[in-house]
């Protein structure tokens, strides 16, 4: 029994270490959303290595390479729980594929505000003349994100809040709130075609305390850095 207990603890510590290494498990100071089903999927067999490699290729700015690795990780007949591929689709200008990825994920995780928001960004890039998008996804009735900052982000992409609302919330919050407000203000302005404002927000997000220190392992920090690099906003 003692041997079995030691083995279980060893497995648990290994999972936590891997999660910290790739930025899927946030630090105590982070409010980044943890997608439990994605973590389970990552831990399942040989698919894990392909996803790790895809994430690393994305960090290096190899967007198509990251998509190829994510594709290799998907079991036949399955596409959900791979939000990283949806983000890569966005940066590869494959907005229809990105939208489908996020929508497949939300069918399984209906409370995932960030995927709802990224889907809205994809829709806005495809149909910039329509705001809010006519078929934007919604949270289940009576539900909201546990993070106040993401509740405002959600409303912004639905036309129910303003940039000022989100900016003010970011200024009043902690390091992660500041970072996430700037990230999604940048994404929102880019989707609306306001590139000068988008650049200012994204560059500011990359320079926040969260991005440079406490949240540096967060994959969304890598997203901001890649975004600025691809747009030559350095």
C-alpha atoms as a PDB file:
ATOM      1  CA  UNK A   1       0.000   0.000   0.000  1.00  0.00           C
ATOM      2  CA  UNK A   2       2.864   2.394   0.821  1.00  0.00           C
ATOM      3  CA  UNK A   3       4.463   1.693  -2.568  1.00  0.00           C
ATOM      4  CA  UNK A   4       1.181   2.396  -4.354  1.00  0.00           C
ATOM      5  CA  UNK A   5       0.796   5.705  -2.492  1.00  0.00           C
ATOM      6  CA  UNK A   6       4.311   6.778  -3.467  1.00  0.00           C
ATOM      7  CA  UNK A   7       3.625   5.937  -7.116  1.00  0.00           C
ATOM      8  CA  UNK A   8       0.410   7.980  -7.125  1.00  0.00           C
ATOM      9  CA  UNK A   9       2.174  10.980  -5.625  1.00  0.00           C
ATOM     10  CA  UNK A  10       4.930  10.659  -8.218  1.00  0.00           C
ATOM     11  CA  UNK A  11       2.395  10.683 -11.065  1.00  0.00           C
ATOM     12  CA  UNK A  12       0.584  13.692  -9.599  1.00  0.00           C
ATOM     13  CA  UNK A  13       3.785  15.694  -9.207  1.00  0.00           C
ATOM     14  CA  UNK A  14       4.798  14.834 -12.782  1.00  0.00           C
ATOM     15  CA  UNK A  15       1.478  16.137 -14.139  1.00  0.00           C
ATOM     16  CA  UNK A  16       1.824  19.387 -12.169  1.00  0.00           C
ATOM     17  CA  UNK A  17       5.403  19.843 -13.381  1.00  0.00           C
ATOM     18  CA  UNK A  18       4.432  19.345 -17.028  1.00  0.00           C
ATOM     19  CA  UNK A  19       1.519  21.753 -16.644  1.00  0.00           C
ATOM     20  CA  UNK A  20       3.780  24.444 -15.230  1.00  0.00           C
ATOM     21  CA  UNK A  21       6.371  23.833 -17.927  1.00  0.00           C
ATOM     22  CA  UNK A  22       3.979  24.505 -20.832  1.00  0.00           C
ATOM     23  CA  UNK A  23       1.963  27.203 -19.085  1.00  0.00           C
ATOM     24  CA  UNK A  24      -1.291  25.280 -18.736  1.00  0.00           C
ATOM     25  CA  UNK A  25      -1.369  25.443 -14.938  1.00  0.00           C
ATOM     26  CA  UNK A  26      -1.338  29.052 -13.707  1.00  0.00           C
ATOM     27  CA  UNK A  27       0.732  30.373 -10.850  1.00  0.00           C
ATOM     28  CA  UNK A  28      -1.089  31.371  -7.649  1.00  0.00           C
ATOM     29  CA  UNK A  29      -1.072  34.990  -8.805  1.00  0.00           C
ATOM     30  CA  UNK A  30      -2.669  34.116 -12.143  1.00  0.00           C
ATOM     31  CA  UNK A  31      -6.380  34.234 -12.889  1.00  0.00           C
ATOM     32  CA  UNK A  32      -5.919  32.548 -16.244  1.00  0.00           C
ATOM     33  CA  UNK A  33      -8.702  30.153 -17.098  1.00  0.00           C
ATOM     34  CA  UNK A  34      -7.669  26.515 -16.654  1.00  0.00           C
ATOM     35  CA  UNK A  35      -9.351  24.237 -19.165  1.00  0.00           C
ATOM     36  CA  UNK A  36      -9.600  20.901 -17.299  1.00  0.00           C
ATOM     37  CA  UNK A  37     -10.690  18.872 -20.308  1.00  0.00           C
ATOM     38  CA  UNK A  38      -7.712  20.150 -22.286  1.00  0.00           C
ATOM     39  CA  UNK A  39      -5.373  19.083 -19.487  1.00  0.00           C
ATOM     40  CA  UNK A  40      -6.885  15.593 -19.527  1.00  0.00           C
ATOM     41  CA  UNK A  41      -6.555  15.461 -23.305  1.00  0.00           C
ATOM     42  CA  UNK A  42      -2.938  16.574 -23.100  1.00  0.00           C
ATOM     43  CA  UNK A  43      -2.159  13.847 -20.595  1.00  0.00           C
ATOM     44  CA  UNK A  44      -3.546  11.127 -22.842  1.00  0.00           C
ATOM     45  CA  UNK A  45      -0.825   9.168 -24.600  1.00  0.00           C
ATOM     46  CA  UNK A  46       1.188  10.192 -27.679  1.00  0.00           C
ATOM     47  CA  UNK A  47      -1.085  13.141 -28.549  1.00  0.00           C
ATOM     48  CA  UNK A  48       0.506  15.126 -25.731  1.00  0.00           C
ATOM     49  CA  UNK A  49       3.887  15.450 -27.427  1.00  0.00           C
ATOM     50  CA  UNK A  50       2.335  16.743 -30.656  1.00  0.00           C
ATOM     51  CA  UNK A  51       0.460  19.432 -28.719  1.00  0.00           C
ATOM     52  CA  UNK A  52       3.568  20.439 -26.790  1.00  0.00           C
ATOM     53  CA  UNK A  53       5.481  20.720 -30.066  1.00  0.00           C
ATOM     54  CA  UNK A  54       2.655  22.696 -31.659  1.00  0.00           C
ATOM     55  CA  UNK A  55       2.653  25.163 -28.787  1.00  0.00           C
ATOM     56  CA  UNK A  56       6.407  25.581 -29.006  1.00  0.00           C
ATOM     57  CA  UNK A  57       6.258  26.170 -32.768  1.00  0.00           C
ATOM     58  CA  UNK A  58       3.578  28.806 -32.190  1.00  0.00           C
ATOM     59  CA  UNK A  59       5.786  30.542 -29.632  1.00  0.00           C
ATOM     60  CA  UNK A  60       8.507  30.693 -32.298  1.00  0.00           C
ATOM     61  CA  UNK A  61       6.106  32.256 -34.801  1.00  0.00           C
ATOM     62  CA  UNK A  62       5.785  29.157 -36.998  1.00  0.00           C
ATOM     63  CA  UNK A  63       2.001  29.283 -37.253  1.00  0.00           C
ATOM     64  CA  UNK A  64       1.532  26.718 -40.031  1.00  0.00           C
ATOM     65  CA  UNK A  65       3.973  24.384 -38.318  1.00  0.00           C
ATOM     66  CA  UNK A  66       1.977  24.638 -35.105  1.00  0.00           C
ATOM     67  CA  UNK A  67      -1.239  23.801 -36.957  1.00  0.00           C
ATOM     68  CA  UNK A  68       0.404  20.757 -38.505  1.00  0.00           C
ATOM     69  CA  UNK A  69       1.461  19.476 -35.081  1.00  0.00           C
ATOM     70  CA  UNK A  70      -1.966  20.153 -33.578  1.00  0.00           C
ATOM     71  CA  UNK A  71      -3.558  18.307 -36.518  1.00  0.00           C
ATOM     72  CA  UNK A  72      -1.350  15.317 -35.759  1.00  0.00           C
ATOM     73  CA  UNK A  73      -2.600  15.279 -32.168  1.00  0.00           C
ATOM     74  CA  UNK A  74      -6.309  15.005 -32.973  1.00  0.00           C
ATOM     75  CA  UNK A  75      -7.818  11.513 -32.725  1.00  0.00           C
ATOM     76  CA  UNK A  76      -9.947  10.444 -35.699  1.00  0.00           C
ATOM     77  CA  UNK A  77     -13.424  11.954 -35.531  1.00  0.00           C
ATOM     78  CA  UNK A  78     -12.537  14.416 -32.766  1.00  0.00           C
ATOM     79  CA  UNK A  79     -11.722  18.109 -32.873  1.00  0.00           C
ATOM     80  CA  UNK A  80     -12.850  19.542 -29.533  1.00  0.00           C
ATOM     81  CA  UNK A  81     -10.630  20.660 -26.651  1.00  0.00           C
ATOM     82  CA  UNK A  82      -7.927  22.029 -28.947  1.00  0.00           C
ATOM     83  CA  UNK A  83      -8.286  25.788 -28.431  1.00  0.00           C
ATOM     84  CA  UNK A  84      -4.573  26.248 -29.191  1.00  0.00           C
ATOM     85  CA  UNK A  85      -5.233  25.220 -32.795  1.00  0.00           C
ATOM     86  CA  UNK A  86      -8.096  27.714 -33.002  1.00  0.00           C
ATOM     87  CA  UNK A  87      -5.734  30.525 -32.023  1.00  0.00           C
ATOM     88  CA  UNK A  88      -3.205  29.347 -34.608  1.00  0.00           C
ATOM     89  CA  UNK A  89      -5.954  29.372 -37.245  1.00  0.00           C
ATOM     90  CA  UNK A  90      -6.699  32.989 -36.350  1.00  0.00           C
ATOM     91  CA  UNK A  91      -3.083  34.008 -36.883  1.00  0.00           C
ATOM     92  CA  UNK A  92      -2.954  32.025 -40.119  1.00  0.00           C
ATOM     93  CA  UNK A  93      -5.946  34.053 -41.398  1.00  0.00           C
ATOM     94  CA  UNK A  94      -8.057  30.882 -41.497  1.00  0.00           C
ATOM     95  CA  UNK A  95     -10.952  32.472 -39.673  1.00  0.00           C
ATOM     96  CA  UNK A  96     -13.647  29.996 -40.724  1.00  0.00           C
ATOM     97  CA  UNK A  97     -11.563  27.099 -39.390  1.00  0.00           C
ATOM     98  CA  UNK A  98     -10.805  29.046 -36.229  1.00  0.00           C
ATOM     99  CA  UNK A  99     -14.492  29.739 -35.676  1.00  0.00           C
ATOM    100  CA  UNK A 100     -15.358  26.068 -36.130  1.00  0.00           C
ATOM    101  CA  UNK A 101     -12.655  25.008 -33.681  1.00  0.00           C
ATOM    102  CA  UNK A 102     -13.872  27.377 -30.987  1.00  0.00           C
ATOM    103  CA  UNK A 103     -17.491  26.421 -31.555  1.00  0.00           C
ATOM    104  CA  UNK A 104     -16.693  22.714 -31.321  1.00  0.00           C
ATOM    105  CA  UNK A 105     -14.910  23.400 -28.043  1.00  0.00           C
ATOM    106  CA  UNK A 106     -17.746  25.476 -26.595  1.00  0.00           C
ATOM    107  CA  UNK A 107     -20.206  22.686 -27.327  1.00  0.00           C
ATOM    108  CA  UNK A 108     -18.222  20.647 -24.799  1.00  0.00           C
ATOM    109  CA  UNK A 109     -17.314  23.527 -22.441  1.00  0.00           C
ATOM    110  CA  UNK A 110     -20.201  26.042 -22.676  1.00  0.00           C
ATOM    111  CA  UNK A 111     -18.790  28.287 -19.925  1.00  0.00           C
ATOM    112  CA  UNK A 112     -15.510  28.982 -21.735  1.00  0.00           C
ATOM    113  CA  UNK A 113     -15.799  32.728 -22.294  1.00  0.00           C
ATOM    114  CA  UNK A 114     -12.425  33.072 -23.983  1.00  0.00           C
ATOM    115  CA  UNK A 115     -13.339  30.669 -26.768  1.00  0.00           C
ATOM    116  CA  UNK A 116     -16.640  32.502 -27.271  1.00  0.00           C
ATOM    117  CA  UNK A 117     -14.649  35.729 -27.591  1.00  0.00           C
ATOM    118  CA  UNK A 118     -12.085  34.287 -30.009  1.00  0.00           C
ATOM    119  CA  UNK A 119     -14.928  32.931 -32.128  1.00  0.00           C
ATOM    120  CA  UNK A 120     -16.423  36.433 -32.199  1.00  0.00           C
ATOM    121  CA  UNK A 121     -13.036  37.803 -33.317  1.00  0.00           C
ATOM    122  CA  UNK A 122     -12.936  35.267 -36.159  1.00  0.00           C
ATOM    123  CA  UNK A 123     -16.479  36.208 -37.210  1.00  0.00           C
ATOM    124  CA  UNK A 124     -15.608  39.901 -37.184  1.00  0.00           C
ATOM    125  CA  UNK A 125     -12.598  39.276 -39.407  1.00  0.00           C
ATOM    126  CA  UNK A 126     -14.838  37.406 -41.854  1.00  0.00           C
ATOM    127  CA  UNK A 127     -17.746  39.857 -41.683  1.00  0.00           C
ATOM    128  CA  UNK A 128     -16.281  43.215 -40.553  1.00  0.00           C
ATOM    129  CA  UNK A 129     -19.389  45.137 -41.568  1.00  0.00           C
ATOM    130  CA  UNK A 130     -21.555  43.333 -38.999  1.00  0.00           C
ATOM    131  CA  UNK A 131     -21.177  44.149 -35.316  1.00  0.00           C
ATOM    132  CA  UNK A 132     -21.973  42.423 -33.129  1.00  0.00           C
ATOM    133  CA  UNK A 133     -21.780  39.244 -35.222  1.00  0.00           C
ATOM    134  CA  UNK A 134     -25.253  38.001 -36.001  1.00  0.00           C
ATOM    135  CA  UNK A 135     -24.597  34.457 -34.785  1.00  0.00           C
ATOM    136  CA  UNK A 136     -22.232  35.213 -31.894  1.00  0.00           C
ATOM    137  CA  UNK A 137     -22.313  32.513 -29.208  1.00  0.00           C
ATOM    138  CA  UNK A 138     -23.731  33.148 -25.743  1.00  0.00           C
ATOM    139  CA  UNK A 139     -23.175  31.777 -22.280  1.00  0.00           C
ATOM    140  CA  UNK A 140     -25.976  29.629 -20.857  1.00  0.00           C
ATOM    141  CA  UNK A 141     -28.713  31.753 -19.316  1.00  0.00           C
ATOM    142  CA  UNK A 142     -27.818  32.915 -15.830  1.00  0.00           C
ATOM    143  CA  UNK A 143     -24.154  31.953 -16.156  1.00  0.00           C
ATOM    144  CA  UNK A 144     -21.092  34.189 -16.178  1.00  0.00           C
ATOM    145  CA  UNK A 145     -17.320  33.881 -16.071  1.00  0.00           C
ATOM    146  CA  UNK A 146     -15.871  33.630 -12.567  1.00  0.00           C
ATOM    147  CA  UNK A 147     -13.391  36.377 -13.500  1.00  0.00           C
ATOM    148  CA  UNK A 148     -14.999  39.840 -13.507  1.00  0.00           C
ATOM    149  CA  UNK A 149     -12.596  41.073 -16.188  1.00  0.00           C
ATOM    150  CA  UNK A 150     -13.709  38.332 -18.599  1.00  0.00           C
ATOM    151  CA  UNK A 151     -17.347  39.179 -18.013  1.00  0.00           C
ATOM    152  CA  UNK A 152     -16.619  42.656 -19.393  1.00  0.00           C
ATOM    153  CA  UNK A 153     -14.601  41.213 -22.284  1.00  0.00           C
ATOM    154  CA  UNK A 154     -17.575  38.999 -23.122  1.00  0.00           C
ATOM    155  CA  UNK A 155     -19.914  41.997 -23.129  1.00  0.00           C
ATOM    156  CA  UNK A 156     -17.500  44.068 -25.244  1.00  0.00           C
ATOM    157  CA  UNK A 157     -17.507  41.561 -28.093  1.00  0.00           C
ATOM    158  CA  UNK A 158     -21.307  41.437 -27.920  1.00  0.00           C
ATOM    159  CA  UNK A 159     -21.705  45.206 -28.128  1.00  0.00           C
ATOM    160  CA  UNK A 160     -22.931  45.372 -24.513  1.00  0.00           C
ATOM    161  CA  UNK A 161     -19.895  47.189 -23.058  1.00  0.00           C
ATOM    162  CA  UNK A 162     -17.444  49.813 -24.278  1.00  0.00           C
ATOM    163  CA  UNK A 163     -13.680  49.941 -24.600  1.00  0.00           C
ATOM    164  CA  UNK A 164     -13.676  52.407 -21.731  1.00  0.00           C
ATOM    165  CA  UNK A 165     -15.538  49.943 -19.521  1.00  0.00           C
ATOM    166  CA  UNK A 166     -12.871  47.303 -20.098  1.00  0.00           C
ATOM    167  CA  UNK A 167      -9.952  49.715 -19.836  1.00  0.00           C
ATOM    168  CA  UNK A 168     -11.243  51.063 -16.521  1.00  0.00           C
ATOM    169  CA  UNK A 169     -11.706  47.544 -15.147  1.00  0.00           C
ATOM    170  CA  UNK A 170      -8.156  46.672 -16.153  1.00  0.00           C
ATOM    171  CA  UNK A 171      -6.723  49.771 -14.448  1.00  0.00           C
ATOM    172  CA  UNK A 172      -8.606  49.016 -11.236  1.00  0.00           C
ATOM    173  CA  UNK A 173      -7.614  45.319 -11.135  1.00  0.00           C
ATOM    174  CA  UNK A 174      -4.410  43.471 -10.440  1.00  0.00           C
ATOM    175  CA  UNK A 175      -1.633  42.487 -12.866  1.00  0.00           C
ATOM    176  CA  UNK A 176      -3.634  39.748 -14.608  1.00  0.00           C
ATOM    177  CA  UNK A 177      -6.700  41.980 -15.020  1.00  0.00           C
ATOM    178  CA  UNK A 178      -4.531  44.678 -16.566  1.00  0.00           C
ATOM    179  CA  UNK A 179      -2.952  42.198 -18.969  1.00  0.00           C
ATOM    180  CA  UNK A 180      -6.186  40.541 -20.061  1.00  0.00           C
ATOM    181  CA  UNK A 181      -7.981  43.845 -20.543  1.00  0.00           C
ATOM    182  CA  UNK A 182      -5.211  45.081 -22.852  1.00  0.00           C
ATOM    183  CA  UNK A 183      -4.997  41.769 -24.717  1.00  0.00           C
ATOM    184  CA  UNK A 184      -8.694  41.721 -25.531  1.00  0.00           C
ATOM    185  CA  UNK A 185      -8.902  45.428 -26.243  1.00  0.00           C
ATOM    186  CA  UNK A 186      -6.169  44.837 -28.810  1.00  0.00           C
ATOM    187  CA  UNK A 187      -7.916  41.825 -30.291  1.00  0.00           C
ATOM    188  CA  UNK A 188     -11.219  43.709 -30.397  1.00  0.00           C
ATOM    189  CA  UNK A 189      -9.771  46.776 -32.123  1.00  0.00           C
ATOM    190  CA  UNK A 190      -7.930  44.640 -34.668  1.00  0.00           C
ATOM    191  CA  UNK A 191     -11.131  42.747 -35.454  1.00  0.00           C
ATOM    192  CA  UNK A 192     -12.898  46.098 -35.934  1.00  0.00           C
ATOM    193  CA  UNK A 193     -10.132  47.347 -38.262  1.00  0.00           C
ATOM    194  CA  UNK A 194      -8.753  49.948 -35.823  1.00  0.00           C
ATOM    195  CA  UNK A 195      -5.145  48.884 -36.195  1.00  0.00           C
ATOM    196  CA  UNK A 196      -3.449  51.871 -34.580  1.00  0.00           C
ATOM    197  CA  UNK A 197      -5.388  51.360 -31.364  1.00  0.00           C
ATOM    198  CA  UNK A 198      -4.884  47.598 -31.574  1.00  0.00           C
ATOM    199  CA  UNK A 199      -1.122  48.069 -31.790  1.00  0.00           C
ATOM    200  CA  UNK A 200      -1.085  50.367 -28.780  1.00  0.00           C
ATOM    201  CA  UNK A 201      -3.101  47.937 -26.655  1.00  0.00           C
ATOM    202  CA  UNK A 202      -1.112  44.857 -27.645  1.00  0.00           C
ATOM    203  CA  UNK A 203       2.258  46.487 -27.118  1.00  0.00           C
ATOM    204  CA  UNK A 204       1.099  47.678 -23.722  1.00  0.00           C
ATOM    205  CA  UNK A 205      -0.094  44.162 -22.839  1.00  0.00           C
ATOM    206  CA  UNK A 206       3.344  42.755 -23.672  1.00  0.00           C
ATOM    207  CA  UNK A 207       4.957  45.222 -21.268  1.00  0.00           C
ATOM    208  CA  UNK A 208       2.702  44.586 -18.279  1.00  0.00           C
ATOM    209  CA  UNK A 209       4.022  43.186 -15.024  1.00  0.00           C
ATOM    210  CA  UNK A 210       1.928  40.075 -15.644  1.00  0.00           C
ATOM    211  CA  UNK A 211       3.501  39.415 -19.051  1.00  0.00           C
ATOM    212  CA  UNK A 212       7.033  40.084 -17.904  1.00  0.00           C
ATOM    213  CA  UNK A 213       6.938  38.301 -14.545  1.00  0.00           C
ATOM    214  CA  UNK A 214       4.063  36.692 -12.665  1.00  0.00           C
ATOM    215  CA  UNK A 215       2.202  35.422 -15.728  1.00  0.00           C
ATOM    216  CA  UNK A 216       5.120  34.721 -18.015  1.00  0.00           C
ATOM    217  CA  UNK A 217       4.206  31.014 -18.209  1.00  0.00           C
ATOM    218  CA  UNK A 218       0.677  31.799 -19.386  1.00  0.00           C
ATOM    219  CA  UNK A 219       0.195  30.742 -23.022  1.00  0.00           C
ATOM    220  CA  UNK A 220      -1.851  33.903 -23.604  1.00  0.00           C
ATOM    221  CA  UNK A 221       1.272  35.932 -22.888  1.00  0.00           C
ATOM    222  CA  UNK A 222       2.912  34.025 -25.732  1.00  0.00           C
ATOM    223  CA  UNK A 223      -0.113  34.883 -27.879  1.00  0.00           C
ATOM    224  CA  UNK A 224       0.434  38.596 -27.268  1.00  0.00           C
ATOM    225  CA  UNK A 225       4.129  38.331 -28.093  1.00  0.00           C
ATOM    226  CA  UNK A 226       3.451  36.394 -31.290  1.00  0.00           C
ATOM    227  CA  UNK A 227       0.705  38.826 -32.244  1.00  0.00           C
ATOM    228  CA  UNK A 228       3.082  41.790 -31.951  1.00  0.00           C
ATOM    229  CA  UNK A 229       5.848  39.950 -33.800  1.00  0.00           C
ATOM    230  CA  UNK A 230       3.652  38.910 -36.724  1.00  0.00           C
ATOM    231  CA  UNK A 231       2.279  42.445 -37.084  1.00  0.00           C
ATOM    232  CA  UNK A 232       5.787  43.928 -36.664  1.00  0.00           C
ATOM    233  CA  UNK A 233       4.560  45.849 -33.617  1.00  0.00           C
ATOM    234  CA  UNK A 234       7.874  45.839 -31.793  1.00  0.00           C
END
